[in-house]
PDB file of N, CA and C in Angstrom:
ATOM      1  N   MET A   1      50.372  -6.862 -28.614  1.00  0.00           N
ATOM      2  CA  MET A   1      48.865  -6.982 -28.491  1.00  0.00           C
ATOM      3  C   MET A   1      48.404  -5.794 -27.863  1.00  0.00           C
ATOM      4  N   ALA A   2      49.063  -5.217 -26.703  1.00  0.00           N
ATOM      5  CA  ALA A   2      48.458  -4.043 -26.049  1.00  0.00           C
ATOM      6  C   ALA A   2      48.500  -2.855 -27.037  1.00  0.00           C
ATOM      7  N   MET A   3      49.732  -2.714 -27.689  1.00  0.00           N
ATOM      8  CA  MET A   3      49.932  -1.489 -28.617  1.00  0.00           C
ATOM      9  C   MET A   3      48.755  -1.537 -29.675  1.00  0.00           C
ATOM     10  N   ARG A   4      48.566  -2.715 -30.283  1.00  0.00           N
ATOM     11  CA  ARG A   4      47.446  -2.934 -31.216  1.00  0.00           C
ATOM     12  C   ARG A   4      46.123  -2.486 -30.681  1.00  0.00           C
ATOM     13  N   LEU A   5      45.797  -2.912 -29.476  1.00  0.00           N
ATOM     14  CA  LEU A   5      44.590  -2.511 -28.799  1.00  0.00           C
ATOM     15  C   LEU A   5      44.431  -0.932 -28.630  1.00  0.00           C
ATOM     16  N   TYR A   6      45.612  -0.420 -28.209  1.00  0.00           N
ATOM     17  CA  TYR A   6      45.633   1.058 -27.999  1.00  0.00           C
ATOM     18  C   TYR A   6      45.326   1.828 -29.371  1.00  0.00           C
ATOM     19  N   ILE A   7      46.098   1.397 -30.452  1.00  0.00           N
ATOM     20  CA  ILE A   7      45.928   2.012 -31.740  1.00  0.00           C
ATOM     21  C   ILE A   7      44.501   1.889 -32.193  1.00  0.00           C
ATOM     22  N   LYS A   8      43.889   0.631 -32.120  1.00  0.00           N
ATOM     23  CA  LYS A   8      42.409   0.571 -32.428  1.00  0.00           C
ATOM     24  C   LYS A   8      41.379   1.347 -31.627  1.00  0.00           C
ATOM     25  N   GLY A   9      41.809   1.495 -30.357  1.00  0.00           N
ATOM     26  CA  GLY A   9      40.948   2.247 -29.319  1.00  0.00           C
ATOM     27  C   GLY A   9      40.959   3.831 -29.842  1.00  0.00           C
ATOM     28  N   LYS A  10      42.117   4.211 -30.033  1.00  0.00           N
ATOM     29  CA  LYS A  10      42.572   5.622 -30.424  1.00  0.00           C
ATOM     30  C   LYS A  10      41.840   5.911 -31.831  1.00  0.00           C
ATOM     31  N   GLU A  11      41.858   5.075 -32.675  1.00  0.00           N
ATOM     32  CA  GLU A  11      41.173   5.164 -34.055  1.00  0.00           C
ATOM     33  C   GLU A  11      39.706   5.385 -33.885  1.00  0.00           C
ATOM     34  N   ALA A  12      39.126   4.308 -33.084  1.00  0.00           N
ATOM     35  CA  ALA A  12      37.692   4.359 -32.765  1.00  0.00           C
ATOM     36  C   ALA A  12      37.160   5.799 -32.024  1.00  0.00           C
ATOM     37  N   VAL A  13      38.073   6.299 -31.096  1.00  0.00           N
ATOM     38  CA  VAL A  13      37.632   7.479 -30.726  1.00  0.00           C
ATOM     39  C   VAL A  13      37.652   8.771 -31.561  1.00  0.00           C
ATOM     40  N   VAL A  14      38.937   8.692 -32.203  1.00  0.00           N
ATOM     41  CA  VAL A  14      38.965   9.929 -33.151  1.00  0.00           C
ATOM     42  C   VAL A  14      37.961   9.726 -34.275  1.00  0.00           C
ATOM     43  N   LEU A  15      37.572   8.597 -34.859  1.00  0.00           N
ATOM     44  CA  LEU A  15      36.559   8.486 -35.969  1.00  0.00           C
ATOM     45  C   LEU A  15      35.298   8.847 -35.359  1.00  0.00           C
ATOM     46  N   GLU A  16      35.007   8.486 -34.062  1.00  0.00           N
ATOM     47  CA  GLU A  16      33.632   8.878 -33.449  1.00  0.00           C
ATOM     48  C   GLU A  16      33.493  10.383 -33.390  1.00  0.00           C
ATOM     49  N   LEU A  17      34.631  11.139 -32.904  1.00  0.00           N
ATOM     50  CA  LEU A  17      34.712  12.656 -32.854  1.00  0.00           C
ATOM     51  C   LEU A  17      34.564  13.201 -34.253  1.00  0.00           C
ATOM     52  N   LEU A  18      35.147  12.574 -35.187  1.00  0.00           N
ATOM     53  CA  LEU A  18      34.999  13.064 -36.644  1.00  0.00           C
ATOM     54  C   LEU A  18      33.513  12.865 -37.175  1.00  0.00           C
ATOM     55  N   ARG A  19      33.018  11.678 -36.844  1.00  0.00           N
ATOM     56  CA  ARG A  19      31.569  11.539 -37.242  1.00  0.00           C
ATOM     57  C   ARG A  19      30.675  12.439 -36.668  1.00  0.00           C
ATOM     58  N   LYS A  20      30.861  12.846 -35.539  1.00  0.00           N
ATOM     59  CA  LYS A  20      29.958  13.849 -34.654  1.00  0.00           C
ATOM     60  C   LYS A  20      30.238  15.341 -35.046  1.00  0.00           C
ATOM     61  N   GLY A  21      31.390  15.491 -35.828  1.00  0.00           N
ATOM     62  CA  GLY A  21      31.703  16.811 -36.157  1.00  0.00           C
ATOM     63  C   GLY A  21      32.572  17.633 -35.270  1.00  0.00           C
ATOM     64  N   LYS A  22      32.976  16.950 -34.113  1.00  0.00           N
ATOM     65  CA  LYS A  22      33.640  17.455 -33.066  1.00  0.00           C
ATOM     66  C   LYS A  22      35.147  18.010 -33.436  1.00  0.00           C
ATOM     67  N   ILE A  23      35.727  17.209 -34.464  1.00  0.00           N
ATOM     68  CA  ILE A  23      37.136  17.523 -34.937  1.00  0.00           C
ATOM     69  C   ILE A  23      36.992  17.559 -36.536  1.00  0.00           C
ATOM     70  N   SER A  24      37.956  18.167 -37.169  1.00  0.00           N
ATOM     71  CA  SER A  24      38.001  18.335 -38.553  1.00  0.00           C
ATOM     72  C   SER A  24      38.773  16.988 -39.206  1.00  0.00           C
ATOM     73  N   GLN A  25      38.588  16.778 -40.408  1.00  0.00           N
ATOM     74  CA  GLN A  25      39.443  15.793 -41.190  1.00  0.00           C
ATOM     75  C   GLN A  25      40.948  15.943 -40.975  1.00  0.00           C
ATOM     76  N   GLY A  26      41.474  17.265 -41.006  1.00  0.00           N
ATOM     77  CA  GLY A  26      42.745  17.499 -40.866  1.00  0.00           C
ATOM     78  C   GLY A  26      43.294  17.057 -39.487  1.00  0.00           C
ATOM     79  N   LYS A  27      42.433  17.346 -38.399  1.00  0.00           N
ATOM     80  CA  LYS A  27      42.859  17.011 -37.049  1.00  0.00           C
ATOM     81  C   LYS A  27      42.800  15.564 -36.983  1.00  0.00           C
ATOM     82  N   ALA A  28      41.885  14.858 -37.374  1.00  0.00           N
ATOM     83  CA  ALA A  28      41.647  13.454 -37.428  1.00  0.00           C
ATOM     84  C   ALA A  28      43.007  12.832 -38.076  1.00  0.00           C
ATOM     85  N   SER A  29      43.352  13.346 -39.181  1.00  0.00           N
ATOM     86  CA  SER A  29      44.524  12.907 -39.859  1.00  0.00           C
ATOM     87  C   SER A  29      45.868  13.106 -39.004  1.00  0.00           C
ATOM     88  N   GLU A  30      45.802  14.216 -38.355  1.00  0.00           N
ATOM     89  CA  GLU A  30      47.025  14.563 -37.554  1.00  0.00           C
ATOM     90  C   GLU A  30      47.117  13.611 -36.290  1.00  0.00           C
ATOM     91  N   LEU A  31      45.951  13.353 -35.549  1.00  0.00           N
ATOM     92  CA  LEU A  31      45.815  12.504 -34.422  1.00  0.00           C
ATOM     93  C   LEU A  31      46.162  11.077 -34.801  1.00  0.00           C
ATOM     94  N   LEU A  32      45.669  10.665 -35.946  1.00  0.00           N
ATOM     95  CA  LEU A  32      45.867   9.200 -36.297  1.00  0.00           C
ATOM     96  C   LEU A  32      47.283   8.939 -37.047  1.00  0.00           C
ATOM     97  N   GLU A  33      47.850  10.135 -37.258  1.00  0.00           N
ATOM     98  CA  GLU A  33      49.170  10.040 -37.956  1.00  0.00           C
ATOM     99  C   GLU A  33      49.172   9.382 -39.433  1.00  0.00           C
ATOM    100  N   VAL A  34      48.066   9.650 -40.092  1.00  0.00           N
ATOM    101  CA  VAL A  34      47.729   9.116 -41.522  1.00  0.00           C
ATOM    102  C   VAL A  34      47.659  10.237 -42.467  1.00  0.00           C
ATOM    103  N   ASP A  35      47.903  10.153 -43.661  1.00  0.00           N
ATOM    104  CA  ASP A  35      47.530  11.202 -44.705  1.00  0.00           C
ATOM    105  C   ASP A  35      46.134  11.233 -45.068  1.00  0.00           C
ATOM    106  N   ARG A  36      45.476  12.140 -45.695  1.00  0.00           N
ATOM    107  CA  ARG A  36      44.062  12.405 -46.167  1.00  0.00           C
ATOM    108  C   ARG A  36      43.611  10.995 -46.868  1.00  0.00           C
ATOM    109  N   HIS A  37      44.591  10.568 -47.786  1.00  0.00           N
ATOM    110  CA  HIS A  37      43.976   9.349 -48.443  1.00  0.00           C
ATOM    111  C   HIS A  37      43.777   8.064 -47.508  1.00  0.00           C
ATOM    112  N   ASP A  38      44.520   7.944 -46.615  1.00  0.00           N
ATOM    113  CA  ASP A  38      44.311   6.735 -45.714  1.00  0.00           C
ATOM    114  C   ASP A  38      43.064   7.140 -44.809  1.00  0.00           C
ATOM    115  N   LEU A  39      43.032   8.367 -44.307  1.00  0.00           N
ATOM    116  CA  LEU A  39      41.776   8.776 -43.685  1.00  0.00           C
ATOM    117  C   LEU A  39      40.550   8.493 -44.291  1.00  0.00           C
ATOM    118  N   PHE A  40      40.415   8.931 -45.567  1.00  0.00           N
ATOM    119  CA  PHE A  40      39.319   8.621 -46.371  1.00  0.00           C
ATOM    120  C   PHE A  40      39.055   7.241 -46.465  1.00  0.00           C
ATOM    121  N   ASP A  41      39.980   6.343 -46.554  1.00  0.00           N
ATOM    122  CA  ASP A  41      39.796   4.836 -46.564  1.00  0.00           C
ATOM    123  C   ASP A  41      39.175   4.478 -45.331  1.00  0.00           C
ATOM    124  N   LEU A  42      39.641   4.936 -44.117  1.00  0.00           N
ATOM    125  CA  LEU A  42      38.979   4.718 -42.792  1.00  0.00           C
ATOM    126  C   LEU A  42      37.596   5.164 -42.766  1.00  0.00           C
ATOM    127  N   MET A  43      37.327   6.404 -43.171  1.00  0.00           N
ATOM    128  CA  MET A  43      36.171   6.901 -43.102  1.00  0.00           C
ATOM    129  C   MET A  43      35.132   6.096 -43.912  1.00  0.00           C
ATOM    130  N   ALA A  44      35.556   5.640 -45.071  1.00  0.00           N
ATOM    131  CA  ALA A  44      34.727   4.753 -45.857  1.00  0.00           C
ATOM    132  C   ALA A  44      34.434   3.421 -45.198  1.00  0.00           C
ATOM    133  N   LYS A  45      35.497   2.914 -44.624  1.00  0.00           N
ATOM    134  CA  LYS A  45      35.189   1.480 -43.903  1.00  0.00           C
ATOM    135  C   LYS A  45      34.211   1.758 -42.701  1.00  0.00           C
ATOM    136  N   HIS A  46      34.257   3.014 -42.184  1.00  0.00           N
ATOM    137  CA  HIS A  46      33.305   3.137 -41.010  1.00  0.00           C
ATOM    138  C   HIS A  46      31.982   3.937 -41.328  1.00  0.00           C
ATOM    139  N   ASP A  47      31.716   3.931 -42.636  1.00  0.00           N
ATOM    140  CA  ASP A  47      30.500   4.719 -43.135  1.00  0.00           C
ATOM    141  C   ASP A  47      30.474   6.022 -42.528  1.00  0.00           C
ATOM    142  N   ILE A  48      31.515   6.828 -42.675  1.00  0.00           N
ATOM    143  CA  ILE A  48      31.553   8.287 -42.304  1.00  0.00           C
ATOM    144  C   ILE A  48      31.762   9.074 -43.614  1.00  0.00           C
ATOM    145  N   SER A  49      30.869   9.868 -43.912  1.00  0.00           N
ATOM    146  CA  SER A  49      30.896  10.726 -45.106  1.00  0.00           C
ATOM    147  C   SER A  49      32.060  11.634 -45.102  1.00  0.00           C
ATOM    148  N   THR A  50      32.693  11.677 -46.334  1.00  0.00           N
ATOM    149  CA  THR A  50      33.875  12.557 -46.601  1.00  0.00           C
ATOM    150  C   THR A  50      33.407  14.049 -46.794  1.00  0.00           C
ATOM    151  N   ALA A  51      32.247  14.244 -47.315  1.00  0.00           N
ATOM    152  CA  ALA A  51      31.610  15.505 -47.530  1.00  0.00           C
ATOM    153  C   ALA A  51      30.375  15.752 -46.403  1.00  0.00           C
ATOM    154  N   ASN A  52      30.788  16.447 -45.524  1.00  0.00           N
ATOM    155  CA  ASN A  52      29.905  16.747 -44.298  1.00  0.00           C
ATOM    156  C   ASN A  52      29.458  18.173 -44.279  1.00  0.00           C
ATOM    157  N   PHE A  53      28.400  18.503 -45.251  1.00  0.00           N
ATOM    158  CA  PHE A  53      27.869  19.758 -45.435  1.00  0.00           C
ATOM    159  C   PHE A  53      26.474  19.877 -44.598  1.00  0.00           C
ATOM    160  N   PRO A  54      26.258  21.046 -43.992  1.00  0.00           N
ATOM    161  CA  PRO A  54      25.095  21.217 -43.514  1.00  0.00           C
ATOM    162  C   PRO A  54      23.878  21.255 -44.627  1.00  0.00           C
ATOM    163  N   PRO A  55      22.802  20.819 -44.420  1.00  0.00           N
ATOM    164  CA  PRO A  55      21.741  20.809 -45.552  1.00  0.00           C
ATOM    165  C   PRO A  55      21.659  22.007 -46.408  1.00  0.00           C
ATOM    166  N   GLU A  56      21.768  23.333 -45.592  1.00  0.00           N
ATOM    167  CA  GLU A  56      21.683  24.520 -46.381  1.00  0.00           C
ATOM    168  C   GLU A  56      22.771  24.638 -47.476  1.00  0.00           C
ATOM    169  N   GLU A  57      23.986  24.275 -47.146  1.00  0.00           N
ATOM    170  CA  GLU A  57      25.140  24.439 -47.914  1.00  0.00           C
ATOM    171  C   GLU A  57      25.024  23.342 -49.043  1.00  0.00           C
ATOM    172  N   PHE A  58      24.479  22.302 -48.754  1.00  0.00           N
ATOM    173  CA  PHE A  58      24.301  21.160 -49.735  1.00  0.00           C
ATOM    174  C   PHE A  58      23.455  21.688 -50.903  1.00  0.00           C
ATOM    175  N   LEU A  59      22.311  22.457 -50.495  1.00  0.00           N
ATOM    176  CA  LEU A  59      21.342  22.783 -51.501  1.00  0.00           C
ATOM    177  C   LEU A  59      22.002  24.007 -52.152  1.00  0.00           C
ATOM    178  N   ARG A  60      22.642  24.867 -51.520  1.00  0.00           N
ATOM    179  CA  ARG A  60      23.223  26.015 -52.155  1.00  0.00           C
ATOM    180  C   ARG A  60      24.149  25.649 -53.428  1.00  0.00           C
ATOM    181  N   GLN A  61      24.898  24.442 -53.038  1.00  0.00           N
ATOM    182  CA  GLN A  61      25.742  23.997 -54.069  1.00  0.00           C
ATOM    183  C   GLN A  61      25.194  23.289 -55.275  1.00  0.00           C
ATOM    184  N   LEU A  62      24.116  22.591 -54.965  1.00  0.00           N
ATOM    185  CA  LEU A  62      23.439  21.958 -55.911  1.00  0.00           C
ATOM    186  C   LEU A  62      22.721  23.179 -56.725  1.00  0.00           C
ATOM    187  N   GLU A  63      22.274  24.087 -56.277  1.00  0.00           N
ATOM    188  CA  GLU A  63      21.673  25.318 -57.194  1.00  0.00           C
ATOM    189  C   GLU A  63      22.743  25.763 -57.945  1.00  0.00           C
ATOM    190  N   TYR A  64      23.792  26.111 -57.270  1.00  0.00           N
ATOM    191  CA  TYR A  64      25.014  26.601 -58.017  1.00  0.00           C
ATOM    192  C   TYR A  64      25.412  25.619 -59.209  1.00  0.00           C
ATOM    193  N   ALA A  65      25.400  24.527 -59.045  1.00  0.00           N
ATOM    194  CA  ALA A  65      25.777  23.596 -60.213  1.00  0.00           C
ATOM    195  C   ALA A  65      24.804  23.501 -61.185  1.00  0.00           C
ATOM    196  N   GLY A  66      23.638  23.587 -60.810  1.00  0.00           N
ATOM    197  CA  GLY A  66      22.412  23.669 -61.726  1.00  0.00           C
ATOM    198  C   GLY A  66      22.589  24.844 -62.599  1.00  0.00           C
ATOM    199  N   LYS A  67      22.849  25.864 -62.207  1.00  0.00           N
ATOM    200  CA  LYS A  67      23.036  27.097 -62.860  1.00  0.00           C
ATOM    201  C   LYS A  67      24.211  27.121 -64.000  1.00  0.00           C
ATOM    202  N   LYS A  68      25.291  26.380 -63.467  1.00  0.00           N
ATOM    203  CA  LYS A  68      26.453  26.202 -64.375  1.00  0.00           C
ATOM    204  C   LYS A  68      26.110  25.219 -65.479  1.00  0.00           C
ATOM    205  N   VAL A  69      25.409  24.211 -65.258  1.00  0.00           N
ATOM    206  CA  VAL A  69      24.995  23.200 -66.342  1.00  0.00           C
ATOM    207  C   VAL A  69      24.108  23.913 -67.329  1.00  0.00           C
ATOM    208  N   LYS A  70      23.185  24.755 -66.815  1.00  0.00           N
ATOM    209  CA  LYS A  70      22.292  25.480 -67.776  1.00  0.00           C
ATOM    210  C   LYS A  70      22.938  26.512 -68.560  1.00  0.00           C
ATOM    211  N   ALA A  71      24.011  27.029 -68.031  1.00  0.00           N
ATOM    212  CA  ALA A  71      24.929  28.136 -68.690  1.00  0.00           C
ATOM    213  C   ALA A  71      25.863  27.343 -69.613  1.00  0.00           C
ATOM    214  N   GLY A  72      25.897  25.926 -69.590  1.00  0.00           N
ATOM    215  CA  GLY A  72      26.932  25.345 -70.479  1.00  0.00           C
ATOM    216  C   GLY A  72      28.332  25.387 -70.124  1.00  0.00           C
ATOM    217  N   GLU A  73      28.459  25.644 -68.952  1.00  0.00           N
ATOM    218  CA  GLU A  73      29.866  25.537 -68.288  1.00  0.00           C
ATOM    219  C   GLU A  73      30.469  24.249 -67.971  1.00  0.00           C
TER     220      GLU A  73
END
């Protein structure tokens, strides 16, 4: 029981650090000892976006995608 509480507590702390952008997804995977697929499942379960772009980067990517669509690529 104590070990389960420790694991859940560790998971909560790591996911909160990830949510706040204090650690990377790779670091979170390492700390939780899970692969990226399992981390993404945890992130989805806790409503943490897997794509954490600053608004400027998101807009830049949308613009780039729009140009590719117009060019027929």
